[in-house]
Amino acid sequence: MTHLHALPELVRDSQLKVIVQGQSTIHTAPLECRDSVLPQFWETTEPIGRGGDGTVFLQRKIKGPGNVEILAVKQMMLKADLASEDHDSKRYVRELEALSKFAQGRVSLKGTFPPDY
């Protein structure tokens, strides 16, 4: 059974408000303009990378507020038991934490760390 309450607070607080419809994603609370009441509509295109924890896809904005037009989005399969102490579950939670840090704007749009890191 999945235990979402077992995830670190950073991960729980970083949950995106999205609706996925086939190859389209609607961000109901856009990342770069969180105060906007207008959603962003994104189309998932080709995969640009794969690994043990998931697949990274390219997304292009179809319409909506903000200047960002292209995103890299990692799709991960939800593990069965996030509260487990086994190696794979711990690695999965660490990956979610890393993704949550990226979602918090701690990296620039060019993918480099800000000077204070």
Protein backbone atom coordinates (compact mmCIF):
# COMPACT_ATOMS: atom_id res chain seq x y z
CA MET A 1 0.00 0.00 0.00
CA THR A 2 1.19 3.50 -0.78
CA HIS A 3 1.77 5.75 2.23
CA LEU A 4 1.93 9.32 0.94
CA HIS A 5 2.11 10.62 4.52
CA ALA A 6 5.45 8.78 4.80
CA LEU A 7 7.00 11.08 2.19
CA PRO A 8 9.20 13.99 3.33
CA GLU A 9 7.38 17.28 3.84
CA LEU A 10 9.31 18.87 0.96
CA VAL A 11 7.89 16.26 -1.43
CA ARG A 12 4.32 16.53 -0.12
CA ASP A 13 4.42 20.35 -0.33
CA SER A 14 5.77 20.26 -3.89
CA GLN A 15 2.87 18.32 -5.35
CA LEU A 16 1.84 20.01 -8.59
CA LYS A 17 -1.76 20.89 -9.32
CA VAL A 18 -2.24 19.28 -12.72
CA ILE A 19 -4.78 17.46 -14.81
CA VAL A 20 -3.40 14.89 -17.27
CA GLN A 21 -5.50 14.15 -20.35
CA GLY A 22 -3.74 11.80 -22.76
CA GLN A 23 -0.72 13.64 -24.16
CA SER A 24 -1.79 16.96 -22.61
CA THR A 25 -1.12 18.36 -19.15
CA ILE A 26 -3.01 21.30 -17.66
CA HIS A 27 -1.20 23.15 -14.87
CA THR A 28 -4.04 24.68 -12.87
CA ALA A 29 -1.49 26.57 -10.72
CA PRO A 30 1.36 27.41 -13.15
CA LEU A 31 4.86 27.06 -11.74
CA GLU A 32 6.37 30.35 -12.89
CA CYS A 33 3.31 32.51 -12.22
CA ARG A 34 1.62 30.95 -9.21
CA ASP A 35 -0.58 34.01 -8.68
CA SER A 36 -2.25 33.58 -12.08
CA VAL A 37 -5.79 32.25 -12.17
CA LEU A 38 -5.27 31.19 -15.79
CA PRO A 39 -4.07 27.61 -16.38
CA GLN A 40 -1.23 26.57 -18.67
CA PHE A 41 -1.81 23.90 -21.31
CA TRP A 42 1.16 21.69 -22.26
CA GLU A 43 1.56 18.97 -24.90
CA THR A 44 3.88 16.04 -24.21
CA THR A 45 6.09 15.27 -27.18
CA GLU A 46 8.96 12.81 -27.48
CA PRO A 47 10.87 11.12 -24.66
CA ILE A 48 14.30 12.68 -24.22
CA GLY A 49 15.73 10.29 -21.61
CA ARG A 50 15.12 7.09 -19.68
CA GLY A 51 16.50 5.65 -16.48
CA GLY A 52 15.78 3.25 -13.67
CA ASP A 53 13.31 5.61 -11.99
CA GLY A 54 11.37 6.84 -15.00
CA THR A 55 11.25 8.59 -18.36
CA VAL A 56 11.88 12.27 -19.12
CA PHE A 57 9.60 13.81 -21.74
CA LEU A 58 9.70 17.12 -23.56
CA GLN A 59 6.60 19.29 -23.11
CA ARG A 60 5.71 22.37 -25.16
CA LYS A 61 3.30 25.02 -23.94
CA ILE A 62 0.19 25.30 -26.09
CA LYS A 63 -1.27 28.31 -24.26
CA GLY A 64 -1.31 30.06 -20.93
CA PRO A 65 0.52 32.72 -18.93
CA GLY A 66 4.27 32.94 -18.42
CA ASN A 67 7.42 33.04 -20.52
CA VAL A 68 8.56 29.40 -20.28
CA GLU A 69 7.67 27.57 -23.49
CA ILE A 70 9.46 24.20 -23.08
CA LEU A 71 9.71 21.86 -20.08
CA ALA A 72 11.44 18.59 -19.33
CA VAL A 73 9.04 16.46 -17.27
CA LYS A 74 10.03 13.28 -15.49
CA GLN A 75 7.36 10.59 -15.28
CA MET A 76 7.92 8.12 -12.45
CA MET A 77 5.90 5.05 -11.59
CA LEU A 78 4.54 5.20 -8.04
CA LYS A 79 6.12 2.50 -5.91
CA ALA A 80 3.89 0.18 -3.88
CA ASP A 81 5.16 1.07 -0.39
CA LEU A 82 6.86 4.41 0.13
CA ALA A 83 7.20 3.76 3.86
CA SER A 84 9.36 0.69 3.26
CA GLU A 85 12.98 0.71 4.41
CA ASP A 86 14.25 -1.31 1.42
CA HIS A 87 16.93 0.14 -0.86
CA ASP A 88 14.66 0.72 -3.88
CA SER A 89 12.03 2.59 -1.85
CA LYS A 90 14.67 4.81 -0.22
CA ARG A 91 16.24 5.57 -3.62
CA TYR A 92 12.80 6.40 -5.03
CA VAL A 93 12.06 8.83 -2.17
CA ARG A 94 15.48 10.49 -2.64
CA GLU A 95 14.66 10.95 -6.33
CA LEU A 96 11.32 12.56 -5.40
CA GLU A 97 13.17 14.90 -3.01
CA ALA A 98 15.61 15.92 -5.76
CA LEU A 99 12.74 16.60 -8.18
CA SER A 100 10.95 18.62 -5.49
CA LYS A 101 14.00 20.84 -5.08
CA PHE A 102 14.02 21.52 -8.83
CA ALA A 103 10.31 22.36 -8.71
CA GLN A 104 10.98 24.95 -5.98
CA GLY A 105 12.98 27.15 -8.32
CA ARG A 106 16.37 26.38 -6.79
CA VAL A 107 17.82 25.93 -10.26
CA SER A 108 17.78 28.36 -13.13
CA LEU A 109 15.88 27.81 -16.35
CA LYS A 110 19.22 26.97 -17.98
CA GLY A 111 19.79 24.10 -15.56
CA THR A 112 22.71 25.57 -13.60
CA PHE A 113 22.77 26.13 -9.89
CA PRO A 114 22.53 29.70 -8.59
CA PRO A 115 25.77 31.18 -7.17
CA ASP A 116 24.71 30.62 -3.53
CA TYR A 117 25.00 26.86 -3.97
